[in-house]
Protein backbone atom coordinates (compact mmCIF):
# COMPACT_ATOMS: atom_id res chain seq x y z
CA MET A 1 26.44 11.31 10.81
CA GLN A 2 24.60 9.37 13.50
CA ILE A 3 23.79 5.77 12.59
CA HIS A 4 20.79 3.80 13.86
CA PHE A 5 20.72 0.17 12.82
CA THR A 6 17.71 -2.09 12.34
CA LYS A 7 20.03 -5.10 12.33
CA HIS A 8 23.05 -5.61 14.53
CA TYR A 9 26.12 -7.64 13.58
CA TYR A 10 28.40 -8.11 16.54
CA ARG A 11 31.74 -9.93 16.47
CA MET A 12 32.09 -10.79 20.11
CA LYS A 13 34.82 -12.70 21.85
CA ARG A 14 33.69 -15.72 23.80
CA PHE A 15 34.29 -14.08 27.14
CA ILE A 16 31.65 -11.41 26.47
CA VAL A 17 28.57 -12.54 28.37
CA LEU A 18 24.94 -11.62 27.84
CA PRO A 19 24.62 -9.31 30.87
CA LEU A 20 27.49 -7.19 29.55
CA LEU A 21 25.86 -7.03 26.14
CA PHE A 22 22.54 -5.91 27.64
CA LEU A 23 24.35 -3.28 29.70
CA PHE A 24 26.14 -1.98 26.60
CA LEU A 25 22.93 -1.74 24.62
CA SER A 26 21.28 0.13 27.47
CA LEU A 27 24.14 2.61 27.83
CA THR A 28 24.28 3.37 24.10
CA ASN A 29 20.49 3.64 23.80
CA ILE A 30 20.24 1.31 20.82
CA GLU A 31 16.89 -0.28 20.22
CA ALA A 32 16.79 -3.86 19.03
CA GLN A 33 14.43 -3.67 16.09
CA GLU A 34 15.04 -7.03 14.43
CA GLN A 35 12.89 -7.42 11.33
CA ARG A 36 14.61 -10.46 9.83
CA GLU A 37 17.10 -13.17 10.59
CA PRO A 38 20.49 -11.65 11.48
CA GLU A 39 22.35 -13.20 8.56
CA GLN A 40 20.17 -11.47 6.00
CA THR A 41 21.35 -8.07 4.78
CA ASP A 42 18.49 -6.65 2.74
CA VAL A 43 17.71 -3.61 4.90
CA ILE A 44 19.65 -1.21 7.06
CA THR A 45 18.48 2.14 8.47
CA PHE A 46 20.55 5.15 9.49
CA ALA A 47 19.92 8.83 10.16
CA VAL A 48 20.66 12.03 8.25
CA GLY A 49 19.66 14.77 10.63
CA SER A 50 16.06 14.06 11.61
CA TYR A 51 15.43 11.86 8.55
CA GLU A 52 15.55 8.07 8.55
CA ILE A 53 17.15 6.63 5.42
CA THR A 54 16.98 2.92 4.65
CA THR A 55 18.94 0.92 2.11
CA LEU A 56 16.54 -1.50 0.40
CA SER A 57 18.70 -4.14 -1.24
CA GLU A 58 17.23 -6.50 -3.81
CA GLU A 59 20.41 -8.41 -4.54
CA GLN A 60 24.12 -8.57 -3.92
CA LYS A 61 26.10 -10.05 -6.77
CA ASN A 62 29.26 -9.92 -8.88
CA GLY A 63 29.49 -7.97 -12.11
CA ASN A 64 31.64 -9.03 -15.05
CA THR A 65 34.50 -6.81 -16.18
CA SER A 66 33.52 -7.41 -19.80
CA VAL A 67 31.11 -4.44 -19.50
CA LEU A 68 33.89 -2.00 -18.63
CA ILE A 69 35.25 0.51 -21.14
CA ASP A 70 38.96 1.45 -21.09
CA ALA A 71 39.97 -0.70 -18.14
CA SER A 72 43.57 -1.61 -18.87
CA PRO A 73 44.96 -5.11 -18.20
CA GLU A 74 47.01 -3.61 -15.36
CA ILE A 75 43.91 -2.10 -13.73
CA LEU A 76 41.94 -5.31 -14.15
CA SER A 77 44.77 -7.37 -12.70
CA LYS A 78 45.00 -5.10 -9.66
CA HIS A 79 41.32 -4.47 -8.89
CA ALA A 80 39.47 -7.42 -10.43
CA PRO A 81 41.88 -10.33 -10.84
CA GLU A 82 39.03 -12.86 -11.06
CA GLY A 83 37.28 -10.88 -13.78
CA THR A 84 34.45 -9.78 -11.47
CA TYR A 85 33.63 -7.02 -9.00
CA PRO A 86 31.07 -6.63 -6.19
CA THR A 87 27.86 -4.85 -7.11
CA ALA A 88 24.23 -4.68 -6.03
CA ASN A 89 20.73 -3.47 -6.87
CA ASN A 90 19.39 -1.05 -4.28
CA ALA A 91 16.65 1.48 -3.71
CA PHE A 92 16.41 3.92 -0.81
CA LEU A 93 13.57 4.87 1.52
CA VAL A 94 13.52 8.24 3.28
CA LYS A 95 11.20 8.95 6.17
CA ALA A 96 11.20 12.74 6.25
CA LEU A 97 9.20 14.86 8.68
CA ASP A 98 6.11 15.12 6.50
CA LYS A 99 6.75 12.66 3.66
CA VAL A 100 7.68 9.07 2.93
CA VAL A 101 10.00 9.20 -0.07
CA LEU A 102 11.21 6.30 -2.20
CA ILE A 103 14.25 6.86 -4.40
CA ASP A 104 13.99 4.41 -7.33
CA ALA A 105 12.02 1.18 -7.21
CA GLY A 106 14.49 -1.48 -8.27
CA TYR A 107 13.28 -4.51 -10.15
CA GLY A 108 10.47 -4.97 -7.63
CA MET A 109 11.77 -8.42 -6.61
CA LYS A 110 12.18 -7.71 -2.89
CA LEU A 111 11.02 -4.12 -2.80
CA PHE A 112 7.68 -4.62 -1.07
CA ASN A 113 9.01 -7.13 1.46
CA ASN A 114 11.82 -4.70 2.25
CA LEU A 115 9.35 -1.85 2.68
CA GLN A 116 7.17 -4.01 4.91
CA SER A 117 10.16 -4.65 7.15
CA ARG A 118 10.09 -0.91 7.84
CA ASN A 119 6.30 -0.97 8.35
CA ILE A 120 5.71 0.86 5.09
CA THR A 121 2.97 -0.22 2.70
CA ALA A 122 2.81 0.95 -0.91
CA GLU A 123 -0.11 3.22 0.01
CA LYS A 124 2.06 5.12 2.52
CA VAL A 125 4.65 6.23 -0.04
CA ASP A 126 4.06 9.91 -0.83
CA VAL A 127 6.83 10.62 -3.33
CA ILE A 128 9.00 8.58 -5.71
CA LEU A 129 12.18 10.17 -7.04
CA ILE A 130 13.60 8.53 -10.16
CA THR A 131 17.34 8.74 -10.85
CA HIS A 132 16.77 7.37 -14.37
CA MET A 133 14.44 5.00 -16.18
CA HIS A 134 16.39 1.79 -16.68
CA GLY A 135 14.43 -1.33 -15.80
CA ASP A 136 16.35 -2.05 -12.60
CA HIS A 137 15.18 1.33 -11.27
CA ILE A 138 11.54 1.43 -12.36
CA GLY A 139 10.58 -2.27 -12.40
CA GLY A 140 8.79 -2.01 -9.06
CA LEU A 141 6.48 0.79 -10.19
CA LEU A 142 4.01 -1.36 -12.13
CA LYS A 143 2.16 -4.63 -11.70
CA ASP A 144 0.03 -5.89 -14.56
CA GLY A 145 0.30 -2.42 -16.06
CA ALA A 146 -1.15 -0.65 -13.00
CA PRO A 147 0.70 1.64 -10.55
CA THR A 148 1.96 -0.19 -7.48
CA PHE A 149 2.14 3.06 -5.48
CA PRO A 150 -1.38 4.49 -5.82
CA ASN A 151 -0.83 7.63 -3.75
CA ALA A 152 2.67 8.59 -4.83
CA GLU A 153 3.74 11.66 -6.75
CA ILE A 154 6.55 10.75 -9.15
CA TYR A 155 9.46 13.03 -10.07
CA ILE A 156 11.46 12.53 -13.29
CA ALA A 157 14.01 14.90 -14.83
CA GLN A 158 12.79 16.59 -18.00
CA PRO A 159 15.77 15.40 -20.11
CA GLU A 160 15.15 11.82 -18.93
CA TYR A 161 11.46 12.06 -19.78
CA ASP A 162 12.23 13.53 -23.20
CA TYR A 163 14.71 10.77 -24.01
CA TRP A 164 12.44 7.87 -23.14
CA MET A 165 9.47 9.41 -24.89
CA SER A 166 11.49 9.83 -28.10
CA ASP A 167 12.47 7.29 -30.72
CA LYS A 168 16.12 7.69 -29.65
CA ALA A 169 15.66 5.56 -26.52
CA ARG A 170 18.13 2.68 -26.49
CA GLY A 171 16.26 -0.33 -25.10
CA GLY A 172 13.61 -0.27 -22.39
CA GLY A 173 11.52 2.43 -23.99
CA VAL A 174 8.33 0.42 -23.78
CA GLN A 175 8.67 -0.07 -20.02
CA ALA A 176 9.62 3.56 -19.39
CA ARG A 177 6.67 4.85 -21.41
CA ALA A 178 4.32 2.48 -19.59
CA VAL A 179 5.45 3.93 -16.25
CA ILE A 180 5.01 7.47 -17.51
CA GLU A 181 1.51 6.67 -18.78
CA ALA A 182 0.47 4.94 -15.55
CA TYR A 183 1.59 7.86 -13.35
CA LYS A 184 0.81 10.70 -15.78
CA ASP A 185 -1.69 12.36 -13.44
CA LYS A 186 0.90 12.56 -10.66
CA LEU A 187 3.99 13.24 -12.75
CA HIS A 188 6.35 16.11 -11.92
CA LEU A 189 9.05 17.11 -14.41
CA PHE A 190 12.03 19.23 -13.42
CA THR A 191 15.46 20.25 -14.72
CA PRO A 192 18.31 19.35 -12.34
CA SER A 193 21.08 21.86 -11.75
CA GLU A 194 24.80 21.40 -11.20
CA ILE A 195 26.38 20.12 -7.99
CA GLU A 196 28.12 23.47 -7.41
CA THR A 197 24.70 24.94 -6.63
CA GLU A 198 23.77 21.76 -4.74
CA GLY A 199 20.94 21.18 -7.18
CA ILE A 200 17.46 22.55 -7.68
CA GLU A 201 15.09 22.20 -4.71
CA LEU A 202 12.18 19.89 -5.45
CA PHE A 203 10.67 20.25 -1.99
CA SER A 204 12.01 20.87 1.49
CA GLY A 205 15.13 18.80 2.18
CA PHE A 206 15.47 17.35 -1.34
CA ARG A 207 17.49 18.73 -4.24
CA ALA A 208 18.06 17.35 -7.75
CA VAL A 209 21.61 17.32 -9.14
CA ALA A 210 22.47 16.84 -12.82
CA THR A 211 24.66 13.78 -13.33
CA TYR A 212 24.04 13.19 -17.02
CA GLY A 213 25.83 10.56 -19.08
CA HIS A 214 24.68 7.18 -17.91
CA THR A 215 21.37 8.31 -19.38
CA PRO A 216 20.57 11.75 -20.84
CA GLY A 217 18.70 12.85 -17.71
CA HIS A 218 20.44 10.83 -14.99
CA THR A 219 19.89 12.61 -11.66
CA ALA A 220 21.33 12.41 -8.17
CA PHE A 221 19.39 13.58 -5.12
CA LEU A 222 20.92 15.60 -2.31
CA ILE A 223 19.13 15.13 1.00
CA GLU A 224 19.60 17.61 3.85
CA SER A 225 18.20 17.73 7.38
CA ASN A 226 19.38 19.71 10.38
CA GLY A 227 22.70 20.50 8.71
CA SER A 228 23.47 16.88 7.76
CA LYS A 229 23.61 15.83 4.11
CA MET A 230 23.71 12.73 1.96
CA LEU A 231 23.90 12.38 -1.81
CA VAL A 232 22.03 9.45 -3.37
CA TRP A 233 23.92 9.26 -6.65
CA GLY A 234 22.03 6.55 -8.51
CA ASP A 235 24.23 4.89 -11.14
CA LEU A 236 27.14 7.28 -10.98
CA THR A 237 29.16 4.10 -10.41
CA HIS A 238 28.53 0.48 -11.32
CA ALA A 239 31.90 -1.11 -10.51
CA MET A 240 33.07 0.63 -7.34
CA ALA A 241 36.24 -1.44 -7.01
CA LEU A 242 37.47 -0.03 -10.31
CA GLN A 243 35.61 3.25 -10.84
CA ILE A 244 36.51 4.79 -7.48
CA PRO A 245 40.28 4.65 -8.08
CA HIS A 246 39.74 5.06 -11.84
CA PRO A 247 36.68 7.25 -12.54
CA GLU A 248 37.74 7.39 -16.19
CA ILE A 249 36.38 3.84 -16.66
CA ALA A 250 32.89 3.74 -18.15
CA VAL A 251 30.44 0.91 -18.82
CA THR A 252 28.95 -0.29 -22.09
CA TYR A 253 25.43 0.68 -21.06
CA ASP A 254 26.27 4.35 -20.51
CA THR A 255 24.37 6.34 -23.12
CA ASP A 256 27.26 8.83 -23.31
CA PRO A 257 30.38 7.31 -21.68
CA GLN A 258 32.45 10.51 -21.82
CA GLN A 259 29.70 12.58 -20.23
CA ALA A 260 29.25 9.89 -17.55
CA ILE A 261 32.98 10.08 -16.79
CA ALA A 262 32.84 13.88 -16.51
CA SER A 263 29.85 13.69 -14.14
CA ARG A 264 31.58 11.08 -12.00
CA LYS A 265 34.80 13.09 -11.67
CA LYS A 266 32.89 16.25 -10.77
CA LEU A 267 30.77 14.51 -8.14
CA PHE A 268 33.74 12.68 -6.61
CA GLU A 269 35.59 15.98 -6.26
CA TYR A 270 32.63 17.73 -4.66
CA VAL A 271 31.58 15.11 -2.12
CA ALA A 272 35.18 14.45 -1.09
CA LEU A 273 35.87 18.16 -0.61
CA HIS A 274 32.65 18.81 1.31
CA LYS A 275 32.66 15.47 3.16
CA ILE A 276 29.16 14.55 2.04
CA PRO A 277 28.29 10.85 2.53
CA VAL A 278 26.97 9.08 -0.55
CA ALA A 279 24.64 6.21 -1.34
CA GLY A 280 24.37 4.33 -4.61
CA MET A 281 22.12 1.86 -6.36
CA HIS A 282 25.04 -0.39 -7.33
CA ILE A 283 27.23 -0.07 -4.25
CA ALA A 284 27.53 -3.30 -2.29
CA PHE A 285 25.69 -3.44 1.05
CA PRO A 286 25.31 -1.27 3.10
CA ALA A 287 25.59 0.93 -0.02
CA VAL A 288 26.54 4.07 1.90
CA GLY A 289 29.87 5.61 2.78
CA ASN A 290 32.36 8.38 2.11
CA VAL A 291 34.53 9.21 -0.89
CA LYS A 292 37.99 10.40 0.10
CA LYS A 293 40.65 11.99 -2.06
CA GLY A 294 44.30 11.12 -1.58
CA LYS A 295 47.48 12.04 -3.40
CA GLU A 296 47.44 12.65 -7.15
CA ARG A 297 43.64 12.94 -7.11
CA LYS A 298 43.28 9.26 -6.25
CA TYR A 299 39.96 8.45 -4.62
CA SER A 300 38.97 5.77 -2.15
CA PHE A 301 35.65 4.73 -0.66
CA GLU A 302 35.04 4.05 3.02
CA ALA A 303 31.84 2.11 3.62
CA LEU A 304 29.90 2.64 6.83
CA CYS A 305 30.69 -0.08 9.33
CA LEU A 306 27.94 -2.56 10.21
CA CYS A 307 29.40 -3.48 13.56
CA LEU A 308 29.83 -1.54 16.78
CA GLY A 309 33.37 -2.76 17.30
CA ILE A 310 32.88 -4.51 20.63
């Protein structure tokens, strides 16, 4: 997968001089497209085929291991000795050939500033794909009860819609129903299919994959362009440091922890076997990388490097 960065983080030895740097940049055909101060890490853009995909990070933080289910003392001691783990809140922007697609909308805290850094206004977003309807994924969709993306079509899985419109919804139902009401004239419902079929096609280059468990209609989105693929897996993981080596660990806010575990194991197996890069809403920046399977079905995660290794 070819990577194009909007921010560059170079660890250079003191003997590297500016002329050499300029020569290197020229030879590798990298454009300097600085949108913010270098130390900030809210936005990074890379390519999947002919599509531009951007991580839009609202926050980087530490989660508390108290939310984990079935994490043994031995696992906690090895992977989270301080009682915390790195996590994040991210959304993703996709500039496809004929559409501007937003996958989730975060809390809305930094969403619009992050979009502006990519020269995208709310009016330019054509499609919004929702992995699920927790508040940290739909918070940016409304302001004072009105849609923040006036021209966007919104896609929500039918089982997710049914859950939040029912009286079974566990917390957040009011917010979810407000979003559904505000976008009802541009709402598209669909039923995701299993990863073995690579999901149901919503429109060219975008497929919806069933990853139920965290919520009843939790959905991942498989993006494909020119033979390259990436899976945006939403909240398949929350605590990468623990759930990658131990996918059997769930979190207290999974609607169905056992189903979430089954979805996670199935997706890990598939993307590792087929070498499909992944992106996640709670993976620490840059929030993209590769799942690899080692001995005894042990998985690891290799994040994409932010430096060019000079």
